[in-house]
Amino acid sequence: MIRPRRSLLFMPGSNARALEKARLLAADGLILDLEDAVAPDAKAQAREQIAAAVAAKGFGHREVLVRINALDSPWWQDDMAMAANVVPDGILVPKVSSVEDIATIVSQFAALKADPAIRLWIMIETARGVLHAEELAAQAQNPQTRLAGFVFGPNDISRETGIRMLPGRSTMIPMMLNCVLAARVHGLVALDGPYSDIANVDGLGAECAQARDLGFDGKTLIHPGQIDACNAAFTPPAADVAQARAILAAFERPENQGRGAIQLDGRMVERLHAEIAKKTIAIADAIELAGR
């Protein structure tokens, strides 16, 4: 069954109270952060607090990722060692830009004898990462990489390149689509980056809708107040689910089972629409099963 990944909330590992609160939030996933949200002198404490939080379980249906520090930092190996010990659902590595970066991570997994259940997620947030997104995604064909998904990182791309983050993100759309297409070719999940203006409810809703329409599976968030709007944007509307069920039911009728296209409610429906319908229903059923 498809796992809902509408909303993944970054939670600073240095904030013990936030980690505890995360157990009650309606997010589909949590990203326990050791990187941007944690000051250098708080890295060790954050690592200990995340280790304790993951080991204690209690996150219920929520997918739990640990974002480690970048490979060019002095902390990433200690971060990975901690994560390998407590076994979150995945490790999110920032600023992955090359196949060599993935090879370095895979070697560390092997050295740590990390549980095979721990999946690898990578952030595409450098110019080189965007340009080589398809090459990076192709590494998922090797099971040893554990590669599960991309997280698009617009803020670091803007910082590195000077490409401005404008309302509507018109300057970012080509890069976003490049990452989504690469992910789809190789069966990866694709998550959009966070929306920073936490007081702008309308802006958040628009950006969630944009991410959905561009093909992302969900969005990363930086504040609990953003969860409901994000979940709403990425939840298939009831009318769409009903239509999807009607399409599948129509193709399952004996007289239609060998046909590539049929008429339904006055319009032509093809087999490709049945495939889209199956995904819509799978997502809706997964959300309902989790009670979200």
C-alpha atoms as a PDB file:
ATOM      1  CA  MET A   1       0.000   0.000   0.000  1.00  0.00           C
ATOM      2  CA  ILE A   2       1.136   3.543  -0.732  1.00  0.00           C
ATOM      3  CA  ARG A   3       2.323   5.416   2.340  1.00  0.00           C
ATOM      4  CA  PRO A   4       0.900   8.942   2.643  1.00  0.00           C
ATOM      5  CA  ARG A   5       3.638  11.553   2.629  1.00  0.00           C
ATOM      6  CA  ARG A   6       1.573  14.696   2.332  1.00  0.00           C
ATOM      7  CA  SER A   7       3.318  16.544   5.170  1.00  0.00           C
ATOM      8  CA  LEU A   8       6.770  15.983   6.674  1.00  0.00           C
ATOM      9  CA  LEU A   9       7.591  18.401   9.463  1.00  0.00           C
ATOM     10  CA  PHE A  10      11.129  19.445  10.371  1.00  0.00           C
ATOM     11  CA  MET A  11      11.638  19.322  14.146  1.00  0.00           C
ATOM     12  CA  PRO A  12      14.876  20.677  15.699  1.00  0.00           C
ATOM     13  CA  GLY A  13      16.724  17.951  17.564  1.00  0.00           C
ATOM     14  CA  SER A  14      17.962  20.487  20.093  1.00  0.00           C
ATOM     15  CA  ASN A  15      14.402  21.180  21.294  1.00  0.00           C
ATOM     16  CA  ALA A  16      13.335  18.337  23.580  1.00  0.00           C
ATOM     17  CA  ARG A  17       9.874  19.812  24.074  1.00  0.00           C
ATOM     18  CA  ALA A  18       9.284  19.946  20.321  1.00  0.00           C
ATOM     19  CA  LEU A  19      10.360  16.323  19.928  1.00  0.00           C
ATOM     20  CA  GLU A  20       7.839  15.288  22.561  1.00  0.00           C
ATOM     21  CA  LYS A  21       5.071  17.374  20.980  1.00  0.00           C
ATOM     22  CA  ALA A  22       5.768  15.756  17.621  1.00  0.00           C
ATOM     23  CA  ARG A  23       4.159  12.536  18.861  1.00  0.00           C
ATOM     24  CA  LEU A  24       0.746  14.221  18.792  1.00  0.00           C
ATOM     25  CA  LEU A  25       0.885  16.133  15.519  1.00  0.00           C
ATOM     26  CA  ALA A  26      -1.154  15.273  12.427  1.00  0.00           C
ATOM     27  CA  ALA A  27       1.854  15.233  10.099  1.00  0.00           C
ATOM     28  CA  ASP A  28       2.404  12.121   7.994  1.00  0.00           C
ATOM     29  CA  GLY A  29       6.096  12.253   8.820  1.00  0.00           C
ATOM     30  CA  LEU A  30       8.691  13.939  10.993  1.00  0.00           C
ATOM     31  CA  ILE A  31      12.198  15.010  10.076  1.00  0.00           C
ATOM     32  CA  LEU A  32      14.233  15.173  13.265  1.00  0.00           C
ATOM     33  CA  ASP A  33      16.837  17.742  12.360  1.00  0.00           C
ATOM     34  CA  LEU A  34      20.528  17.854  13.195  1.00  0.00           C
ATOM     35  CA  GLU A  35      21.486  20.307  10.465  1.00  0.00           C
ATOM     36  CA  ASP A  36      20.147  23.823   9.826  1.00  0.00           C
ATOM     37  CA  ALA A  37      17.934  24.075  12.909  1.00  0.00           C
ATOM     38  CA  VAL A  38      20.762  23.189  15.315  1.00  0.00           C
ATOM     39  CA  ALA A  39      23.659  25.472  16.257  1.00  0.00           C
ATOM     40  CA  PRO A  40      27.173  23.981  16.118  1.00  0.00           C
ATOM     41  CA  ASP A  41      27.570  23.942  19.894  1.00  0.00           C
ATOM     42  CA  ALA A  42      24.239  22.107  20.263  1.00  0.00           C
ATOM     43  CA  LYS A  43      24.903  19.291  17.783  1.00  0.00           C
ATOM     44  CA  ALA A  44      25.970  16.714  20.375  1.00  0.00           C
ATOM     45  CA  GLN A  45      23.004  17.412  22.631  1.00  0.00           C
ATOM     46  CA  ALA A  46      20.604  17.296  19.691  1.00  0.00           C
ATOM     47  CA  ARG A  47      22.055  13.956  18.633  1.00  0.00           C
ATOM     48  CA  GLU A  48      21.466  12.529  22.105  1.00  0.00           C
ATOM     49  CA  GLN A  49      17.915  13.860  22.260  1.00  0.00           C
ATOM     50  CA  ILE A  50      16.996  12.498  18.858  1.00  0.00           C
ATOM     51  CA  ALA A  51      18.475   9.126  19.772  1.00  0.00           C
ATOM     52  CA  ALA A  52      16.371   9.001  22.919  1.00  0.00           C
ATOM     53  CA  ALA A  53      13.216  10.112  21.082  1.00  0.00           C
ATOM     54  CA  VAL A  54      13.546   7.532  18.301  1.00  0.00           C
ATOM     55  CA  ALA A  55      14.495   4.736  20.702  1.00  0.00           C
ATOM     56  CA  ALA A  56      11.436   5.504  22.836  1.00  0.00           C
ATOM     57  CA  LYS A  57       9.140   4.985  19.825  1.00  0.00           C
ATOM     58  CA  GLY A  58       5.663   6.405  20.330  1.00  0.00           C
ATOM     59  CA  PHE A  59       5.448   8.225  16.982  1.00  0.00           C
ATOM     60  CA  GLY A  60       2.579   6.031  15.831  1.00  0.00           C
ATOM     61  CA  HIS A  61       1.797   6.163  12.119  1.00  0.00           C
ATOM     62  CA  ARG A  62       4.300   8.937  11.483  1.00  0.00           C
ATOM     63  CA  GLU A  63       7.297   8.195   9.305  1.00  0.00           C
ATOM     64  CA  VAL A  64      10.456   9.263  11.131  1.00  0.00           C
ATOM     65  CA  LEU A  65      13.508  10.535   9.272  1.00  0.00           C
ATOM     66  CA  VAL A  66      16.683  11.927  10.784  1.00  0.00           C
ATOM     67  CA  ARG A  67      18.348  14.724   8.832  1.00  0.00           C
ATOM     68  CA  ILE A  68      22.061  14.484   9.409  1.00  0.00           C
ATOM     69  CA  ASN A  69      24.653  17.141   8.683  1.00  0.00           C
ATOM     70  CA  ALA A  70      26.201  17.459   5.240  1.00  0.00           C
ATOM     71  CA  LEU A  71      29.052  15.226   4.123  1.00  0.00           C
ATOM     72  CA  ASP A  72      31.513  18.114   4.208  1.00  0.00           C
ATOM     73  CA  SER A  73      30.792  18.769   7.891  1.00  0.00           C
ATOM     74  CA  PRO A  74      32.644  17.322  10.910  1.00  0.00           C
ATOM     75  CA  TRP A  75      29.422  15.862  12.344  1.00  0.00           C
ATOM     76  CA  TRP A  76      27.870  13.626   9.702  1.00  0.00           C
ATOM     77  CA  GLN A  77      29.593  10.367  10.660  1.00  0.00           C
ATOM     78  CA  ASP A  78      28.561  10.679  14.310  1.00  0.00           C
ATOM     79  CA  ASP A  79      25.041  11.533  13.123  1.00  0.00           C
ATOM     80  CA  MET A  80      24.875   8.399  10.987  1.00  0.00           C
ATOM     81  CA  ALA A  81      26.282   6.212  13.738  1.00  0.00           C
ATOM     82  CA  MET A  82      23.543   7.419  16.082  1.00  0.00           C
ATOM     83  CA  ALA A  83      20.821   6.865  13.486  1.00  0.00           C
ATOM     84  CA  ALA A  84      22.081   3.401  12.606  1.00  0.00           C
ATOM     85  CA  ASN A  85      21.885   2.506  16.282  1.00  0.00           C
ATOM     86  CA  VAL A  86      18.284   3.653  16.871  1.00  0.00           C
ATOM     87  CA  VAL A  87      16.860   2.707  13.425  1.00  0.00           C
ATOM     88  CA  PRO A  88      14.544   5.473  12.198  1.00  0.00           C
ATOM     89  CA  ASP A  89      12.584   4.903   9.007  1.00  0.00           C
ATOM     90  CA  GLY A  90      15.162   6.843   7.067  1.00  0.00           C
ATOM     91  CA  ILE A  91      18.153   9.144   7.010  1.00  0.00           C
ATOM     92  CA  LEU A  92      17.901  12.418   5.092  1.00  0.00           C
ATOM     93  CA  VAL A  93      21.217  13.709   3.794  1.00  0.00           C
ATOM     94  CA  PRO A  94      21.484  17.373   2.748  1.00  0.00           C
ATOM     95  CA  LYS A  95      23.308  18.790  -0.259  1.00  0.00           C
ATOM     96  CA  VAL A  96      23.834  15.513  -2.106  1.00  0.00           C
ATOM     97  CA  SER A  97      25.230  16.489  -5.484  1.00  0.00           C
ATOM     98  CA  SER A  98      26.937  13.470  -7.028  1.00  0.00           C
ATOM     99  CA  VAL A  99      26.952   9.711  -7.350  1.00  0.00           C
ATOM    100  CA  GLU A 100      30.160   9.803  -5.327  1.00  0.00           C
ATOM    101  CA  ASP A 101      28.229  11.364  -2.443  1.00  0.00           C
ATOM    102  CA  ILE A 102      25.766   8.481  -2.495  1.00  0.00           C
ATOM    103  CA  ALA A 103      28.636   5.989  -2.624  1.00  0.00           C
ATOM    104  CA  THR A 104      30.135   7.610   0.479  1.00  0.00           C
ATOM    105  CA  ILE A 105      26.842   7.256   2.338  1.00  0.00           C
ATOM    106  CA  VAL A 106      26.423   3.626   1.230  1.00  0.00           C
ATOM    107  CA  SER A 107      29.930   2.827   2.453  1.00  0.00           C
ATOM    108  CA  GLN A 108      29.066   4.294   5.832  1.00  0.00           C
ATOM    109  CA  PHE A 109      25.880   2.255   6.010  1.00  0.00           C
ATOM    110  CA  ALA A 110      27.962  -0.854   5.360  1.00  0.00           C
ATOM    111  CA  ALA A 111      30.633   0.069   7.916  1.00  0.00           C
ATOM    112  CA  LEU A 112      27.940   0.591  10.545  1.00  0.00           C
ATOM    113  CA  LYS A 113      26.123  -2.623   9.598  1.00  0.00           C
ATOM    114  CA  ALA A 114      22.980  -0.503   9.526  1.00  0.00           C
ATOM    115  CA  ASP A 115      19.606  -2.208   9.563  1.00  0.00           C
ATOM    116  CA  PRO A 116      18.417  -2.684   5.943  1.00  0.00           C
ATOM    117  CA  ALA A 117      15.074  -1.139   6.937  1.00  0.00           C
ATOM    118  CA  ILE A 118      16.698   2.312   7.160  1.00  0.00           C
ATOM    119  CA  ARG A 119      16.069   4.076   3.872  1.00  0.00           C
ATOM    120  CA  LEU A 120      18.137   6.835   2.295  1.00  0.00           C
ATOM    121  CA  TRP A 121      16.576  10.173   1.385  1.00  0.00           C
ATOM    122  CA  ILE A 122      18.599  12.918  -0.268  1.00  0.00           C
ATOM    123  CA  MET A 123      18.102  16.655  -0.552  1.00  0.00           C
ATOM    124  CA  ILE A 124      18.487  18.179  -3.989  1.00  0.00           C
ATOM    125  CA  GLU A 125      19.560  21.690  -3.051  1.00  0.00           C
ATOM    126  CA  THR A 126      22.653  22.498  -5.090  1.00  0.00           C
ATOM    127  CA  ALA A 127      23.064  23.484  -8.721  1.00  0.00           C
ATOM    128  CA  ARG A 128      25.018  20.307  -9.402  1.00  0.00           C
ATOM    129  CA  GLY A 129      22.366  18.213  -7.675  1.00  0.00           C
ATOM    130  CA  VAL A 130      19.635  19.652  -9.888  1.00  0.00           C
ATOM    131  CA  LEU A 131      21.681  19.186 -13.045  1.00  0.00           C
ATOM    132  CA  HIS A 132      22.416  15.552 -12.141  1.00  0.00           C
ATOM    133  CA  ALA A 133      19.025  14.671 -10.645  1.00  0.00           C
ATOM    134  CA  GLU A 134      18.362  11.839 -13.092  1.00  0.00           C
ATOM    135  CA  GLU A 135      21.818  10.354 -12.513  1.00  0.00           C
ATOM    136  CA  LEU A 136      21.244  10.504  -8.754  1.00  0.00           C
ATOM    137  CA  ALA A 137      17.775   8.980  -9.010  1.00  0.00           C
ATOM    138  CA  ALA A 138      19.146   6.137 -11.127  1.00  0.00           C
ATOM    139  CA  GLN A 139      21.140   4.965  -8.113  1.00  0.00           C
ATOM    140  CA  ALA A 140      17.861   3.591  -6.736  1.00  0.00           C
ATOM    141  CA  GLN A 141      18.251   0.714  -9.200  1.00  0.00           C
ATOM    142  CA  ASN A 142      20.985  -0.589  -6.908  1.00  0.00           C
ATOM    143  CA  PRO A 143      19.248  -1.898  -3.752  1.00  0.00           C
ATOM    144  CA  GLN A 144      22.404  -1.276  -1.714  1.00  0.00           C
ATOM    145  CA  THR A 145      21.839   2.465  -1.975  1.00  0.00           C
ATOM    146  CA  ARG A 146      18.500   2.172  -0.094  1.00  0.00           C
ATOM    147  CA  LEU A 147      17.435   5.298  -1.995  1.00  0.00           C
ATOM    148  CA  ALA A 148      13.761   6.121  -1.354  1.00  0.00           C
ATOM    149  CA  GLY A 149      13.217   9.739  -2.259  1.00  0.00           C
ATOM    150  CA  PHE A 150      14.200  13.303  -3.079  1.00  0.00           C
ATOM    151  CA  VAL A 151      13.531  16.420  -1.035  1.00  0.00           C
ATOM    152  CA  PHE A 152      13.782  19.599  -3.089  1.00  0.00           C
ATOM    153  CA  GLY A 153      15.618  22.412  -1.290  1.00  0.00           C
ATOM    154  CA  PRO A 154      14.889  25.792  -2.911  1.00  0.00           C
ATOM    155  CA  ASN A 155      16.445  28.008  -0.251  1.00  0.00           C
ATOM    156  CA  ASP A 156      19.957  26.616  -0.585  1.00  0.00           C
ATOM    157  CA  ILE A 157      19.659  26.612  -4.371  1.00  0.00           C
ATOM    158  CA  SER A 158      18.726  30.289  -4.231  1.00  0.00           C
ATOM    159  CA  ARG A 159      21.638  31.045  -1.926  1.00  0.00           C
ATOM    160  CA  GLU A 160      24.156  29.227  -4.116  1.00  0.00           C
ATOM    161  CA  THR A 161      22.990  30.418  -7.509  1.00  0.00           C
ATOM    162  CA  GLY A 162      21.493  33.849  -6.913  1.00  0.00           C
ATOM    163  CA  ILE A 163      18.212  32.688  -8.462  1.00  0.00           C
ATOM    164  CA  ARG A 164      15.584  34.640  -6.550  1.00  0.00           C
ATOM    165  CA  MET A 165      12.715  33.048  -4.678  1.00  0.00           C
ATOM    166  CA  LEU A 166       9.790  35.042  -6.100  1.00  0.00           C
ATOM    167  CA  PRO A 167       6.101  34.688  -5.198  1.00  0.00           C
ATOM    168  CA  GLY A 168       4.731  31.855  -7.290  1.00  0.00           C
ATOM    169  CA  ARG A 169       8.249  30.385  -7.628  1.00  0.00           C
ATOM    170  CA  SER A 170       8.324  30.891 -11.394  1.00  0.00           C
ATOM    171  CA  THR A 171      12.127  30.929 -11.276  1.00  0.00           C
ATOM    172  CA  MET A 172      12.206  27.537  -9.537  1.00  0.00           C
ATOM    173  CA  ILE A 173       9.658  25.615 -11.603  1.00  0.00           C
ATOM    174  CA  PRO A 174      12.118  24.225 -14.215  1.00  0.00           C
ATOM    175  CA  MET A 175      14.336  22.846 -11.435  1.00  0.00           C
ATOM    176  CA  MET A 176      11.381  21.438  -9.526  1.00  0.00           C
ATOM    177  CA  LEU A 177      10.060  19.648 -12.591  1.00  0.00           C
ATOM    178  CA  ASN A 178      13.505  18.266 -13.363  1.00  0.00           C
ATOM    179  CA  CYS A 179      13.602  16.668  -9.918  1.00  0.00           C
ATOM    180  CA  VAL A 180      10.049  15.328 -10.135  1.00  0.00           C
ATOM    181  CA  LEU A 181      10.695  13.781 -13.550  1.00  0.00           C
ATOM    182  CA  ALA A 182      13.930  12.166 -12.375  1.00  0.00           C
ATOM    183  CA  ALA A 183      12.168  10.750  -9.329  1.00  0.00           C
ATOM    184  CA  ARG A 184       9.305   9.360 -11.393  1.00  0.00           C
ATOM    185  CA  VAL A 185      11.615   7.653 -13.903  1.00  0.00           C
ATOM    186  CA  HIS A 186      13.212   5.665 -11.106  1.00  0.00           C
ATOM    187  CA  GLY A 187      10.276   5.130  -8.770  1.00  0.00           C
ATOM    188  CA  LEU A 188      11.261   7.573  -6.032  1.00  0.00           C
ATOM    189  CA  VAL A 189       9.115   9.751  -3.795  1.00  0.00           C
ATOM    190  CA  ALA A 190       9.474  13.499  -4.421  1.00  0.00           C
ATOM    191  CA  LEU A 191       8.825  16.055  -1.696  1.00  0.00           C
ATOM    192  CA  ASP A 192       8.714  19.820  -2.100  1.00  0.00           C
ATOM    193  CA  GLY A 193      10.735  22.150   0.114  1.00  0.00           C
ATOM    194  CA  PRO A 194       9.330  24.269   2.955  1.00  0.00           C
ATOM    195  CA  TYR A 195       7.381  27.499   2.818  1.00  0.00           C
ATOM    196  CA  SER A 196       9.092  30.064   5.047  1.00  0.00           C
ATOM    197  CA  ASP A 197       6.424  32.733   5.577  1.00  0.00           C
ATOM    198  CA  ILE A 198       4.620  30.948   8.397  1.00  0.00           C
ATOM    199  CA  ALA A 199       2.166  33.816   8.958  1.00  0.00           C
ATOM    200  CA  ASN A 200       0.938  33.778   5.347  1.00  0.00           C
ATOM    201  CA  VAL A 201      -1.808  31.151   5.315  1.00  0.00           C
ATOM    202  CA  ASP A 202      -2.963  31.955   1.781  1.00  0.00           C
ATOM    203  CA  GLY A 203       0.589  31.811   0.455  1.00  0.00           C
ATOM    204  CA  LEU A 204       1.112  28.410   2.053  1.00  0.00           C
ATOM    205  CA  GLY A 205      -2.079  27.052   0.552  1.00  0.00           C
ATOM    206  CA  ALA A 206      -1.120  28.292  -2.895  1.00  0.00           C
ATOM    207  CA  GLU A 207       2.352  26.781  -2.673  1.00  0.00           C
ATOM    208  CA  CYS A 208       0.993  23.422  -1.476  1.00  0.00           C
ATOM    209  CA  ALA A 209      -1.439  23.378  -4.397  1.00  0.00           C
ATOM    210  CA  GLN A 210       1.371  24.277  -6.786  1.00  0.00           C
ATOM    211  CA  ALA A 211       3.568  21.464  -5.455  1.00  0.00           C
ATOM    212  CA  ARG A 212       0.705  18.993  -5.816  1.00  0.00           C
ATOM    213  CA  ASP A 213       0.020  20.113  -9.384  1.00  0.00           C
ATOM    214  CA  LEU A 214       3.708  19.845 -10.285  1.00  0.00           C
ATOM    215  CA  GLY A 215       3.628  16.192  -9.249  1.00  0.00           C
ATOM    216  CA  PHE A 216       5.192  16.208  -5.789  1.00  0.00           C
ATOM    217  CA  ASP A 217       3.919  13.581  -3.340  1.00  0.00           C
ATOM    218  CA  GLY A 218       3.948  16.026  -0.444  1.00  0.00           C
ATOM    219  CA  LYS A 219       5.772  18.917   1.142  1.00  0.00           C
ATOM    220  CA  THR A 220       8.236  19.486   3.949  1.00  0.00           C
ATOM    221  CA  LEU A 221       7.169  21.981   6.601  1.00  0.00           C
ATOM    222  CA  ILE A 222       8.836  24.109   9.265  1.00  0.00           C
ATOM    223  CA  HIS A 223       5.924  24.859  11.607  1.00  0.00           C
ATOM    224  CA  PRO A 224       3.133  22.687  13.066  1.00  0.00           C
ATOM    225  CA  GLY A 225       0.601  25.330  12.049  1.00  0.00           C
ATOM    226  CA  GLN A 226       1.253  24.428   8.407  1.00  0.00           C
ATOM    227  CA  ILE A 227       0.223  20.769   8.708  1.00  0.00           C
ATOM    228  CA  ASP A 228      -3.536  21.010   8.199  1.00  0.00           C
ATOM    229  CA  ALA A 229      -3.329  23.116   5.047  1.00  0.00           C
ATOM    230  CA  CYS A 230      -0.693  20.837   3.583  1.00  0.00           C
ATOM    231  CA  ASN A 231      -2.643  17.671   4.354  1.00  0.00           C
ATOM    232  CA  ALA A 232      -5.755  19.193   2.808  1.00  0.00           C
ATOM    233  CA  ALA A 233      -3.939  20.108  -0.405  1.00  0.00           C
ATOM    234  CA  PHE A 234      -2.476  16.636  -0.901  1.00  0.00           C
ATOM    235  CA  THR A 235      -5.569  14.653   0.141  1.00  0.00           C
ATOM    236  CA  PRO A 236      -7.595  13.553  -2.904  1.00  0.00           C
ATOM    237  CA  PRO A 237     -11.000  15.288  -2.823  1.00  0.00           C
ATOM    238  CA  ALA A 238     -13.954  13.002  -2.147  1.00  0.00           C
ATOM    239  CA  ALA A 239     -15.362  13.744  -5.610  1.00  0.00           C
ATOM    240  CA  ASP A 240     -12.094  12.656  -7.243  1.00  0.00           C
ATOM    241  CA  VAL A 241     -12.054   9.428  -5.236  1.00  0.00           C
ATOM    242  CA  ALA A 242     -15.655   8.672  -6.175  1.00  0.00           C
ATOM    243  CA  GLN A 243     -14.871   9.313  -9.841  1.00  0.00           C
ATOM    244  CA  ALA A 244     -11.806   7.072  -9.615  1.00  0.00           C
ATOM    245  CA  ARG A 245     -13.880   4.242  -8.158  1.00  0.00           C
ATOM    246  CA  ALA A 246     -16.447   4.691 -10.907  1.00  0.00           C
ATOM    247  CA  ILE A 247     -13.734   4.463 -13.580  1.00  0.00           C
ATOM    248  CA  LEU A 248     -12.328   1.231 -12.157  1.00  0.00           C
ATOM    249  CA  ALA A 249     -15.788  -0.264 -11.747  1.00  0.00           C
ATOM    250  CA  ALA A 250     -16.604   0.584 -15.366  1.00  0.00           C
ATOM    251  CA  PHE A 251     -13.483  -1.101 -16.727  1.00  0.00           C
ATOM    252  CA  GLU A 252     -14.159  -4.186 -14.580  1.00  0.00           C
ATOM    253  CA  ARG A 253     -17.516  -4.803 -16.251  1.00  0.00           C
ATOM    254  CA  PRO A 254     -17.342  -7.919 -18.472  1.00  0.00           C
ATOM    255  CA  GLU A 255     -18.172  -5.988 -21.633  1.00  0.00           C
ATOM    256  CA  ASN A 256     -15.317  -3.507 -21.008  1.00  0.00           C
ATOM    257  CA  GLN A 257     -12.479  -5.685 -19.770  1.00  0.00           C
ATOM    258  CA  GLY A 258     -10.840  -6.042 -23.178  1.00  0.00           C
ATOM    259  CA  ARG A 259     -11.343  -2.448 -24.255  1.00  0.00           C
ATOM    260  CA  GLY A 260      -8.744   0.314 -24.236  1.00  0.00           C
ATOM    261  CA  ALA A 261     -11.277   3.138 -24.028  1.00  0.00           C
ATOM    262  CA  ILE A 262     -14.875   3.412 -22.925  1.00  0.00           C
ATOM    263  CA  GLN A 263     -17.558   6.036 -22.481  1.00  0.00           C
ATOM    264  CA  LEU A 264     -18.412   7.026 -18.926  1.00  0.00           C
ATOM    265  CA  ASP A 265     -20.860   9.770 -18.045  1.00  0.00           C
ATOM    266  CA  GLY A 266     -20.640  11.221 -21.519  1.00  0.00           C
ATOM    267  CA  ARG A 267     -16.852  11.354 -21.866  1.00  0.00           C
ATOM    268  CA  MET A 268     -14.146   9.069 -23.185  1.00  0.00           C
ATOM    269  CA  VAL A 269     -12.063   7.298 -20.558  1.00  0.00           C
ATOM    270  CA  GLU A 270      -8.885   5.394 -21.446  1.00  0.00           C
ATOM    271  CA  ARG A 271      -6.907   2.720 -19.638  1.00  0.00           C
ATOM    272  CA  LEU A 272      -4.382   5.333 -18.563  1.00  0.00           C
ATOM    273  CA  HIS A 273      -7.180   7.007 -16.598  1.00  0.00           C
ATOM    274  CA  ALA A 274      -7.738   3.708 -14.812  1.00  0.00           C
ATOM    275  CA  GLU A 275      -4.094   3.680 -13.751  1.00  0.00           C
ATOM    276  CA  ILE A 276      -4.410   7.231 -12.412  1.00  0.00           C
ATOM    277  CA  ALA A 277      -7.605   6.172 -10.632  1.00  0.00           C
ATOM    278  CA  LYS A 278      -5.823   3.277  -8.919  1.00  0.00           C
ATOM    279  CA  LYS A 279      -3.228   5.632  -7.452  1.00  0.00           C
ATOM    280  CA  THR A 280      -5.881   8.102  -6.293  1.00  0.00           C
ATOM    281  CA  ILE A 281      -7.776   5.331  -4.526  1.00  0.00           C
ATOM    282  CA  ALA A 282      -4.616   3.863  -2.995  1.00  0.00           C
ATOM    283  CA  ILE A 283      -3.666   7.226  -1.475  1.00  0.00           C
ATOM    284  CA  ALA A 284      -7.180   7.872  -0.206  1.00  0.00           C
ATOM    285  CA  ASP A 285      -7.415   4.389   1.317  1.00  0.00           C
ATOM    286  CA  ALA A 286      -4.036   4.744   3.007  1.00  0.00           C
ATOM    287  CA  ILE A 287      -5.047   8.072   4.541  1.00  0.00           C
ATOM    288  CA  GLU A 288      -8.328   6.604   5.772  1.00  0.00           C
ATOM    289  CA  LEU A 289      -6.612   3.528   7.206  1.00  0.00           C
ATOM    290  CA  ALA A 290      -4.261   5.692   9.234  1.00  0.00           C
ATOM    291  CA  GLY A 291      -7.191   7.713  10.524  1.00  0.00           C
ATOM    292  CA  ARG A 292      -5.913  10.990   9.166  1.00  0.00           C
END
